[in-house]
PDB file of N, CA and C in Angstrom:
ATOM      1  N   UNK A   1      32.633 -18.879  74.854  1.00  0.00           N
ATOM      2  CA  UNK A   1      31.492 -18.821  73.980  1.00  0.00           C
ATOM      3  C   UNK A   1      30.780 -17.496  74.174  1.00  0.00           C
ATOM      4  N   UNK A   2      30.437 -16.824  73.133  1.00  0.00           N
ATOM      5  CA  UNK A   2      29.742 -15.546  73.251  1.00  0.00           C
ATOM      6  C   UNK A   2      28.268 -15.776  73.571  1.00  0.00           C
ATOM      7  N   UNK A   3      27.626 -14.731  74.057  1.00  0.00           N
ATOM      8  CA  UNK A   3      26.217 -14.834  74.432  1.00  0.00           C
ATOM      9  C   UNK A   3      25.354 -15.185  73.215  1.00  0.00           C
ATOM     10  N   UNK A   4      25.724 -14.673  72.053  1.00  0.00           N
ATOM     11  CA  UNK A   4      24.920 -14.913  70.850  1.00  0.00           C
ATOM     12  C   UNK A   4      24.945 -16.380  70.433  1.00  0.00           C
ATOM     13  N   UNK A   5      26.055 -17.067  70.651  1.00  0.00           N
ATOM     14  CA  UNK A   5      26.141 -18.466  70.246  1.00  0.00           C
ATOM     15  C   UNK A   5      25.707 -19.409  71.364  1.00  0.00           C
ATOM     16  N   UNK A   6      25.394 -18.889  72.543  1.00  0.00           N
ATOM     17  CA  UNK A   6      25.009 -19.724  73.676  1.00  0.00           C
ATOM     18  C   UNK A   6      23.506 -19.629  73.948  1.00  0.00           C
ATOM     19  N   UNK A   7      22.719 -19.192  72.986  1.00  0.00           N
ATOM     20  CA  UNK A   7      21.282 -19.075  73.192  1.00  0.00           C
ATOM     21  C   UNK A   7      20.621 -20.431  73.104  1.00  0.00           C
ATOM     22  N   UNK A   8      19.731 -20.667  74.060  1.00  0.00           N
ATOM     23  CA  UNK A   8      18.969 -21.904  74.086  1.00  0.00           C
ATOM     24  C   UNK A   8      17.499 -21.546  74.206  1.00  0.00           C
ATOM     25  N   UNK A   9      16.630 -22.331  73.579  1.00  0.00           N
ATOM     26  CA  UNK A   9      15.207 -22.033  73.662  1.00  0.00           C
ATOM     27  C   UNK A   9      14.530 -22.917  74.701  1.00  0.00           C
ATOM     28  N   UNK A  10      13.386 -22.416  75.159  1.00  0.00           N
ATOM     29  CA  UNK A  10      12.582 -23.128  76.133  1.00  0.00           C
ATOM     30  C   UNK A  10      11.130 -22.917  75.763  1.00  0.00           C
ATOM     31  N   UNK A  11      10.403 -23.995  75.622  1.00  0.00           N
ATOM     32  CA  UNK A  11       8.982 -23.891  75.288  1.00  0.00           C
ATOM     33  C   UNK A  11       8.200 -23.718  76.591  1.00  0.00           C
ATOM     34  N   UNK A  12       7.314 -22.733  76.626  1.00  0.00           N
ATOM     35  CA  UNK A  12       6.471 -22.495  77.792  1.00  0.00           C
ATOM     36  C   UNK A  12       5.035 -22.860  77.448  1.00  0.00           C
ATOM     37  N   UNK A  13       4.405 -23.609  78.313  1.00  0.00           N
ATOM     38  CA  UNK A  13       2.990 -23.932  78.168  1.00  0.00           C
ATOM     39  C   UNK A  13       2.224 -23.117  79.201  1.00  0.00           C
ATOM     40  N   UNK A  14       1.495 -22.132  78.754  1.00  0.00           N
ATOM     41  CA  UNK A  14       0.756 -21.255  79.658  1.00  0.00           C
ATOM     42  C   UNK A  14      -0.521 -21.940  80.121  1.00  0.00           C
ATOM     43  N   UNK A  15      -0.922 -21.616  81.348  1.00  0.00           N
ATOM     44  CA  UNK A  15      -2.154 -22.135  81.937  1.00  0.00           C
ATOM     45  C   UNK A  15      -2.880 -20.966  82.571  1.00  0.00           C
ATOM     46  N   UNK A  16      -3.915 -21.241  83.287  1.00  0.00           N
ATOM     47  CA  UNK A  16      -4.616 -20.195  84.023  1.00  0.00           C
ATOM     48  C   UNK A  16      -3.733 -19.705  85.160  1.00  0.00           C
ATOM     49  N   UNK A  17      -3.962 -18.479  85.613  1.00  0.00           N
ATOM     50  CA  UNK A  17      -3.182 -17.925  86.720  1.00  0.00           C
ATOM     51  C   UNK A  17      -3.497 -18.651  88.022  1.00  0.00           C
ATOM     52  N   UNK A  18      -2.463 -19.222  88.638  1.00  0.00           N
ATOM     53  CA  UNK A  18      -2.566 -19.848  89.957  1.00  0.00           C
ATOM     54  C   UNK A  18      -1.300 -19.496  90.718  1.00  0.00           C
ATOM     55  N   UNK A  19      -1.123 -20.097  91.872  1.00  0.00           N
ATOM     56  CA  UNK A  19       0.078 -19.848  92.669  1.00  0.00           C
ATOM     57  C   UNK A  19       1.351 -20.267  91.918  1.00  0.00           C
ATOM     58  N   UNK A  20       1.267 -21.313  91.116  1.00  0.00           N
ATOM     59  CA  UNK A  20       2.460 -21.837  90.449  1.00  0.00           C
ATOM     60  C   UNK A  20       2.423 -21.747  88.927  1.00  0.00           C
ATOM     61  N   UNK A  21       1.386 -21.139  88.370  1.00  0.00           N
ATOM     62  CA  UNK A  21       1.307 -20.996  86.916  1.00  0.00           C
ATOM     63  C   UNK A  21       0.921 -19.567  86.546  1.00  0.00           C
ATOM     64  N   UNK A  22       1.198 -19.211  85.291  1.00  0.00           N
ATOM     65  CA  UNK A  22       0.925 -17.864  84.788  1.00  0.00           C
ATOM     66  C   UNK A  22       0.239 -17.993  83.432  1.00  0.00           C
ATOM     67  N   UNK A  23      -0.750 -17.161  83.215  1.00  0.00           N
ATOM     68  CA  UNK A  23      -1.434 -17.157  81.924  1.00  0.00           C
ATOM     69  C   UNK A  23      -0.676 -16.274  80.941  1.00  0.00           C
ATOM     70  N   UNK A  24      -0.946 -16.482  79.678  1.00  0.00           N
ATOM     71  CA  UNK A  24      -0.321 -15.659  78.640  1.00  0.00           C
ATOM     72  C   UNK A  24      -0.780 -14.213  78.768  1.00  0.00           C
ATOM     73  N   UNK A  25      -2.049 -14.018  79.142  1.00  0.00           N
ATOM     74  CA  UNK A  25      -2.558 -12.661  79.335  1.00  0.00           C
ATOM     75  C   UNK A  25      -1.809 -11.942  80.462  1.00  0.00           C
ATOM     76  N   UNK A  26      -1.505 -12.666  81.538  1.00  0.00           N
ATOM     77  CA  UNK A  26      -0.753 -12.070  82.648  1.00  0.00           C
ATOM     78  C   UNK A  26       0.653 -11.688  82.191  1.00  0.00           C
ATOM     79  N   UNK A  27       1.281 -12.551  81.386  1.00  0.00           N
ATOM     80  CA  UNK A  27       2.614 -12.243  80.868  1.00  0.00           C
ATOM     81  C   UNK A  27       2.574 -10.997  79.989  1.00  0.00           C
ATOM     82  N   UNK A  28       1.580 -10.900  79.132  1.00  0.00           N
ATOM     83  CA  UNK A  28       1.446  -9.718  78.274  1.00  0.00           C
ATOM     84  C   UNK A  28       1.276  -8.447  79.114  1.00  0.00           C
ATOM     85  N   UNK A  29       0.434  -8.544  80.149  1.00  0.00           N
ATOM     86  CA  UNK A  29       0.196  -7.379  81.013  1.00  0.00           C
ATOM     87  C   UNK A  29       1.466  -6.978  81.755  1.00  0.00           C
ATOM     88  N   UNK A  30       2.222  -7.963  82.252  1.00  0.00           N
ATOM     89  CA  UNK A  30       3.496  -7.673  82.930  1.00  0.00           C
ATOM     90  C   UNK A  30       4.483  -7.014  81.974  1.00  0.00           C
ATOM     91  N   UNK A  31       4.573  -7.555  80.774  1.00  0.00           N
ATOM     92  CA  UNK A  31       5.502  -7.002  79.781  1.00  0.00           C
ATOM     93  C   UNK A  31       5.153  -5.555  79.461  1.00  0.00           C
ATOM     94  N   UNK A  32       3.871  -5.293  79.291  1.00  0.00           N
ATOM     95  CA  UNK A  32       3.443  -3.928  78.979  1.00  0.00           C
ATOM     96  C   UNK A  32       3.763  -2.994  80.143  1.00  0.00           C
ATOM     97  N   UNK A  33       3.484  -3.431  81.368  1.00  0.00           N
ATOM     98  CA  UNK A  33       3.727  -2.609  82.556  1.00  0.00           C
ATOM     99  C   UNK A  33       5.218  -2.316  82.727  1.00  0.00           C
ATOM    100  N   UNK A  34       6.067  -3.305  82.453  1.00  0.00           N
ATOM    101  CA  UNK A  34       7.511  -3.141  82.612  1.00  0.00           C
ATOM    102  C   UNK A  34       8.178  -2.475  81.412  1.00  0.00           C
ATOM    103  N   UNK A  35       7.492  -2.452  80.279  1.00  0.00           N
ATOM    104  CA  UNK A  35       8.099  -1.903  79.068  1.00  0.00           C
ATOM    105  C   UNK A  35       9.057  -2.876  78.410  1.00  0.00           C
ATOM    106  N   UNK A  36       8.875  -4.153  78.680  1.00  0.00           N
ATOM    107  CA  UNK A  36       9.707  -5.215  78.103  1.00  0.00           C
ATOM    108  C   UNK A  36       8.889  -5.962  77.065  1.00  0.00           C
ATOM    109  N   UNK A  37       9.597  -6.773  76.264  1.00  0.00           N
ATOM    110  CA  UNK A  37       8.861  -7.734  75.450  1.00  0.00           C
ATOM    111  C   UNK A  37       8.634  -8.980  76.319  1.00  0.00           C
ATOM    112  N   UNK A  38       7.916  -9.955  75.822  1.00  0.00           N
ATOM    113  CA  UNK A  38       7.575 -11.124  76.640  1.00  0.00           C
ATOM    114  C   UNK A  38       8.812 -11.923  77.053  1.00  0.00           C
ATOM    115  N   UNK A  39       9.763 -12.069  76.162  1.00  0.00           N
ATOM    116  CA  UNK A  39      10.982 -12.809  76.497  1.00  0.00           C
ATOM    117  C   UNK A  39      11.763 -12.099  77.595  1.00  0.00           C
ATOM    118  N   UNK A  40      11.922 -10.798  77.472  1.00  0.00           N
ATOM    119  CA  UNK A  40      12.627 -10.029  78.500  1.00  0.00           C
ATOM    120  C   UNK A  40      11.916 -10.145  79.849  1.00  0.00           C
ATOM    121  N   UNK A  41      10.594 -10.143  79.828  1.00  0.00           N
ATOM    122  CA  UNK A  41       9.820 -10.245  81.063  1.00  0.00           C
ATOM    123  C   UNK A  41      10.048 -11.592  81.741  1.00  0.00           C
ATOM    124  N   UNK A  42      10.018 -12.672  80.973  1.00  0.00           N
ATOM    125  CA  UNK A  42      10.250 -14.007  81.539  1.00  0.00           C
ATOM    126  C   UNK A  42      11.663 -14.100  82.107  1.00  0.00           C
ATOM    127  N   UNK A  43      12.652 -13.607  81.373  1.00  0.00           N
ATOM    128  CA  UNK A  43      14.031 -13.674  81.853  1.00  0.00           C
ATOM    129  C   UNK A  43      14.234 -12.804  83.093  1.00  0.00           C
ATOM    130  N   UNK A  44      13.598 -11.639  83.123  1.00  0.00           N
ATOM    131  CA  UNK A  44      13.670 -10.756  84.284  1.00  0.00           C
ATOM    132  C   UNK A  44      13.064 -11.441  85.512  1.00  0.00           C
ATOM    133  N   UNK A  45      11.897 -12.047  85.331  1.00  0.00           N
ATOM    134  CA  UNK A  45      11.234 -12.735  86.438  1.00  0.00           C
ATOM    135  C   UNK A  45      12.080 -13.903  86.946  1.00  0.00           C
ATOM    136  N   UNK A  46      12.664 -14.645  86.048  1.00  0.00           N
ATOM    137  CA  UNK A  46      13.512 -15.775  86.453  1.00  0.00           C
ATOM    138  C   UNK A  46      14.774 -15.294  87.167  1.00  0.00           C
ATOM    139  N   UNK A  47      15.348 -14.200  86.707  1.00  0.00           N
ATOM    140  CA  UNK A  47      16.536 -13.650  87.371  1.00  0.00           C
ATOM    141  C   UNK A  47      16.197 -13.192  88.783  1.00  0.00           C
ATOM    142  N   UNK A  48      15.038 -12.550  88.954  1.00  0.00           N
ATOM    143  CA  UNK A  48      14.606 -12.122  90.294  1.00  0.00           C
ATOM    144  C   UNK A  48      14.367 -13.324  91.192  1.00  0.00           C
ATOM    145  N   UNK A  49      13.742 -14.375  90.663  1.00  0.00           N
ATOM    146  CA  UNK A  49      13.496 -15.588  91.431  1.00  0.00           C
ATOM    147  C   UNK A  49      14.813 -16.255  91.816  1.00  0.00           C
ATOM    148  N   UNK A  50      15.752 -16.299  90.874  1.00  0.00           N
ATOM    149  CA  UNK A  50      17.070 -16.874  91.152  1.00  0.00           C
ATOM    150  C   UNK A  50      17.732 -16.158  92.319  1.00  0.00           C
ATOM    151  N   UNK A  51      17.722 -14.835  92.298  1.00  0.00           N
ATOM    152  CA  UNK A  51      18.350 -14.061  93.360  1.00  0.00           C
ATOM    153  C   UNK A  51      17.655 -14.272  94.702  1.00  0.00           C
ATOM    154  N   UNK A  52      16.346 -14.418  94.683  1.00  0.00           N
ATOM    155  CA  UNK A  52      15.598 -14.638  95.916  1.00  0.00           C
ATOM    156  C   UNK A  52      15.847 -16.034  96.484  1.00  0.00           C
ATOM    157  N   UNK A  53      15.841 -17.044  95.635  1.00  0.00           N
ATOM    158  CA  UNK A  53      15.997 -18.425  96.079  1.00  0.00           C
ATOM    159  C   UNK A  53      17.425 -18.712  96.519  1.00  0.00           C
ATOM    160  N   UNK A  54      18.401 -18.208  95.801  1.00  0.00           N
ATOM    161  CA  UNK A  54      19.788 -18.533  96.094  1.00  0.00           C
ATOM    162  C   UNK A  54      20.477 -17.549  97.028  1.00  0.00           C
ATOM    163  N   UNK A  55      19.771 -16.576  97.565  1.00  0.00           N
ATOM    164  CA  UNK A  55      20.401 -15.581  98.426  1.00  0.00           C
ATOM    165  C   UNK A  55      21.026 -16.238  99.659  1.00  0.00           C
ATOM    166  N   UNK A  56      20.376 -17.245 100.236  1.00  0.00           N
ATOM    167  CA  UNK A  56      20.919 -17.910 101.419  1.00  0.00           C
ATOM    168  C   UNK A  56      22.134 -18.762 101.071  1.00  0.00           C
ATOM    169  N   UNK A  57      22.158 -19.326  99.891  1.00  0.00           N
ATOM    170  CA  UNK A  57      23.262 -20.187  99.491  1.00  0.00           C
ATOM    171  C   UNK A  57      24.474 -19.393  99.036  1.00  0.00           C
ATOM    172  N   UNK A  58      24.260 -18.146  98.682  1.00  0.00           N
ATOM    173  CA  UNK A  58      25.350 -17.353  98.127  1.00  0.00           C
ATOM    174  C   UNK A  58      25.484 -16.044  98.898  1.00  0.00           C
ATOM    175  N   UNK A  59      25.732 -16.138 100.202  1.00  0.00           N
ATOM    176  CA  UNK A  59      25.877 -14.960 101.034  1.00  0.00           C
ATOM    177  C   UNK A  59      27.018 -14.062 100.600  1.00  0.00           C
ATOM    178  N   UNK A  60      28.007 -14.610  99.968  1.00  0.00           N
ATOM    179  CA  UNK A  60      29.166 -13.832  99.522  1.00  0.00           C
ATOM    180  C   UNK A  60      28.769 -12.787  98.489  1.00  0.00           C
ATOM    181  N   UNK A  61      27.705 -13.040  97.710  1.00  0.00           N
ATOM    182  CA  UNK A  61      27.257 -12.056  96.718  1.00  0.00           C
ATOM    183  C   UNK A  61      26.731 -10.807  97.400  1.00  0.00           C
ATOM    184  N   UNK A  62      26.229 -10.956  98.638  1.00  0.00           N
ATOM    185  CA  UNK A  62      25.701  -9.804  99.341  1.00  0.00           C
ATOM    186  C   UNK A  62      26.805  -8.971  99.981  1.00  0.00           C
ATOM    187  N   UNK A  63      27.943  -9.587 100.239  1.00  0.00           N
ATOM    188  CA  UNK A  63      29.066  -8.895 100.868  1.00  0.00           C
ATOM    189  C   UNK A  63      30.298  -9.090  99.990  1.00  0.00           C
ATOM    190  N   UNK A  64      30.401  -8.344  98.897  1.00  0.00           N
ATOM    191  CA  UNK A  64      31.496  -8.577  97.965  1.00  0.00           C
ATOM    192  C   UNK A  64      32.820  -7.936  98.384  1.00  0.00           C
ATOM    193  N   UNK A  65      32.905  -7.444  99.626  1.00  0.00           N
ATOM    194  CA  UNK A  65      34.146  -6.820 100.075  1.00  0.00           C
ATOM    195  C   UNK A  65      35.168  -7.878 100.483  1.00  0.00           C
ATOM    196  N   UNK A  66      36.423  -7.570 100.256  1.00  0.00           N
ATOM    197  CA  UNK A  66      37.489  -8.463 100.674  1.00  0.00           C
ATOM    198  C   UNK A  66      37.797  -8.229 102.149  1.00  0.00           C
ATOM    199  N   UNK A  67      38.572  -9.101 102.738  1.00  0.00           N
ATOM    200  CA  UNK A  67      38.967  -8.948 104.141  1.00  0.00           C
ATOM    201  C   UNK A  67      39.748  -7.644 104.333  1.00  0.00           C
ATOM    202  N   UNK A  68      40.598  -7.322 103.387  1.00  0.00           N
ATOM    203  CA  UNK A  68      41.375  -6.074 103.439  1.00  0.00           C
ATOM    204  C   UNK A  68      40.456  -4.864 103.410  1.00  0.00           C
ATOM    205  N   UNK A  69      39.414  -4.911 102.589  1.00  0.00           N
ATOM    206  CA  UNK A  69      38.465  -3.806 102.515  1.00  0.00           C
ATOM    207  C   UNK A  69      37.700  -3.647 103.834  1.00  0.00           C
ATOM    208  N   UNK A  70      37.305  -4.769 104.427  1.00  0.00           N
ATOM    209  CA  UNK A  70      36.627  -4.719 105.726  1.00  0.00           C
ATOM    210  C   UNK A  70      37.536  -4.102 106.790  1.00  0.00           C
ATOM    211  N   UNK A  71      38.806  -4.469 106.773  1.00  0.00           N
ATOM    212  CA  UNK A  71      39.760  -3.913 107.739  1.00  0.00           C
ATOM    213  C   UNK A  71      39.937  -2.412 107.532  1.00  0.00           C
ATOM    214  N   UNK A  72      40.012  -1.974 106.290  1.00  0.00           N
ATOM    215  CA  UNK A  72      40.159  -0.546 106.000  1.00  0.00           C
ATOM    216  C   UNK A  72      38.944   0.240 106.489  1.00  0.00           C
ATOM    217  N   UNK A  73      37.762  -0.321 106.315  1.00  0.00           N
ATOM    218  CA  UNK A  73      36.548   0.335 106.796  1.00  0.00           C
ATOM    219  C   UNK A  73      36.559   0.411 108.318  1.00  0.00           C
ATOM    220  N   UNK A  74      36.959  -0.668 108.979  1.00  0.00           N
ATOM    221  CA  UNK A  74      37.007  -0.688 110.444  1.00  0.00           C
ATOM    222  C   UNK A  74      38.003   0.341 110.970  1.00  0.00           C
ATOM    223  N   UNK A  75      39.138   0.499 110.317  1.00  0.00           N
ATOM    224  CA  UNK A  75      40.139   1.471 110.755  1.00  0.00           C
ATOM    225  C   UNK A  75      39.672   2.904 110.511  1.00  0.00           C
ATOM    226  N   UNK A  76      38.880   3.126 109.486  1.00  0.00           N
ATOM    227  CA  UNK A  76      38.411   4.468 109.167  1.00  0.00           C
ATOM    228  C   UNK A  76      37.200   4.885 110.003  1.00  0.00           C
ATOM    229  N   UNK A  77      36.594   3.930 110.694  1.00  0.00           N
ATOM    230  CA  UNK A  77      35.417   4.236 111.512  1.00  0.00           C
ATOM    231  C   UNK A  77      35.803   5.189 112.638  1.00  0.00           C
ATOM    232  N   UNK A  78      34.998   6.225 112.866  1.00  0.00           N
ATOM    233  CA  UNK A  78      35.329   7.170 113.939  1.00  0.00           C
ATOM    234  C   UNK A  78      35.335   6.476 115.306  1.00  0.00           C
ATOM    235  N   UNK A  79      36.261   6.898 116.144  1.00  0.00           N
ATOM    236  CA  UNK A  79      36.355   6.334 117.487  1.00  0.00           C
ATOM    237  C   UNK A  79      35.257   6.931 118.349  1.00  0.00           C
ATOM    238  N   UNK A  80      34.683   6.109 119.220  1.00  0.00           N
ATOM    239  CA  UNK A  80      33.629   6.578 120.106  1.00  0.00           C
ATOM    240  C   UNK A  80      34.220   7.459 121.192  1.00  0.00           C
ATOM    241  N   UNK A  81      33.517   8.536 121.503  1.00  0.00           N
ATOM    242  CA  UNK A  81      33.956   9.454 122.537  1.00  0.00           C
ATOM    243  C   UNK A  81      32.968   9.400 123.687  1.00  0.00           C
ATOM    244  N   UNK A  82      33.384   9.788 124.845  1.00  0.00           N
ATOM    245  CA  UNK A  82      32.504   9.804 125.993  1.00  0.00           C
ATOM    246  C   UNK A  82      32.579   8.494 126.748  1.00  0.00           C
ATOM    247  N   UNK A  83      31.725   8.375 127.753  1.00  0.00           N
ATOM    248  CA  UNK A  83      31.718   7.157 128.537  1.00  0.00           C
ATOM    249  C   UNK A  83      30.296   6.652 128.680  1.00  0.00           C
ATOM    250  N   UNK A  84      30.149   5.386 128.945  1.00  0.00           N
ATOM    251  CA  UNK A  84      28.842   4.775 129.115  1.00  0.00           C
ATOM    252  C   UNK A  84      28.382   5.035 130.531  1.00  0.00           C
ATOM    253  N   UNK A  85      27.115   5.469 130.663  1.00  0.00           N
ATOM    254  CA  UNK A  85      26.555   5.665 131.995  1.00  0.00           C
ATOM    255  C   UNK A  85      25.379   4.715 132.193  1.00  0.00           C
ATOM    256  N   UNK A  86      25.064   4.452 133.453  1.00  0.00           N
ATOM    257  CA  UNK A  86      24.006   3.487 133.771  1.00  0.00           C
ATOM    258  C   UNK A  86      22.615   4.013 133.525  1.00  0.00           C
ATOM    259  N   UNK A  87      22.394   5.306 133.644  1.00  0.00           N
ATOM    260  CA  UNK A  87      21.046   5.821 133.472  1.00  0.00           C
ATOM    261  C   UNK A  87      21.093   7.175 132.777  1.00  0.00           C
ATOM    262  N   UNK A  88      19.944   7.599 132.344  1.00  0.00           N
ATOM    263  CA  UNK A  88      19.857   8.909 131.708  1.00  0.00           C
ATOM    264  C   UNK A  88      19.605  10.026 132.703  1.00  0.00           C
ATOM    265  N   UNK A  89      19.234   9.692 133.928  1.00  0.00           N
ATOM    266  CA  UNK A  89      18.933  10.692 134.955  1.00  0.00           C
ATOM    267  C   UNK A  89      20.046  10.817 135.954  1.00  0.00           C
TER     268      UNK A  89
END
């Protein structure tokens, strides 16, 4: 299904600004500051919230390298030179 045919609407009921609600005036101000329209602003905010909330559940998104890629990086890492000493003096 293409993005154009998969559009769904959602009715928002704005309230006063609180910890869990946003006023229409706040949305307008955010949209103006970001250079988005109101719909883009709401979708942007929801996408940011999604990434923040699901970051712990989807650790693989933070490390998209394959095992082979990790091995290649480990092999390319420079070898340590010198020896460890007990003190600086």
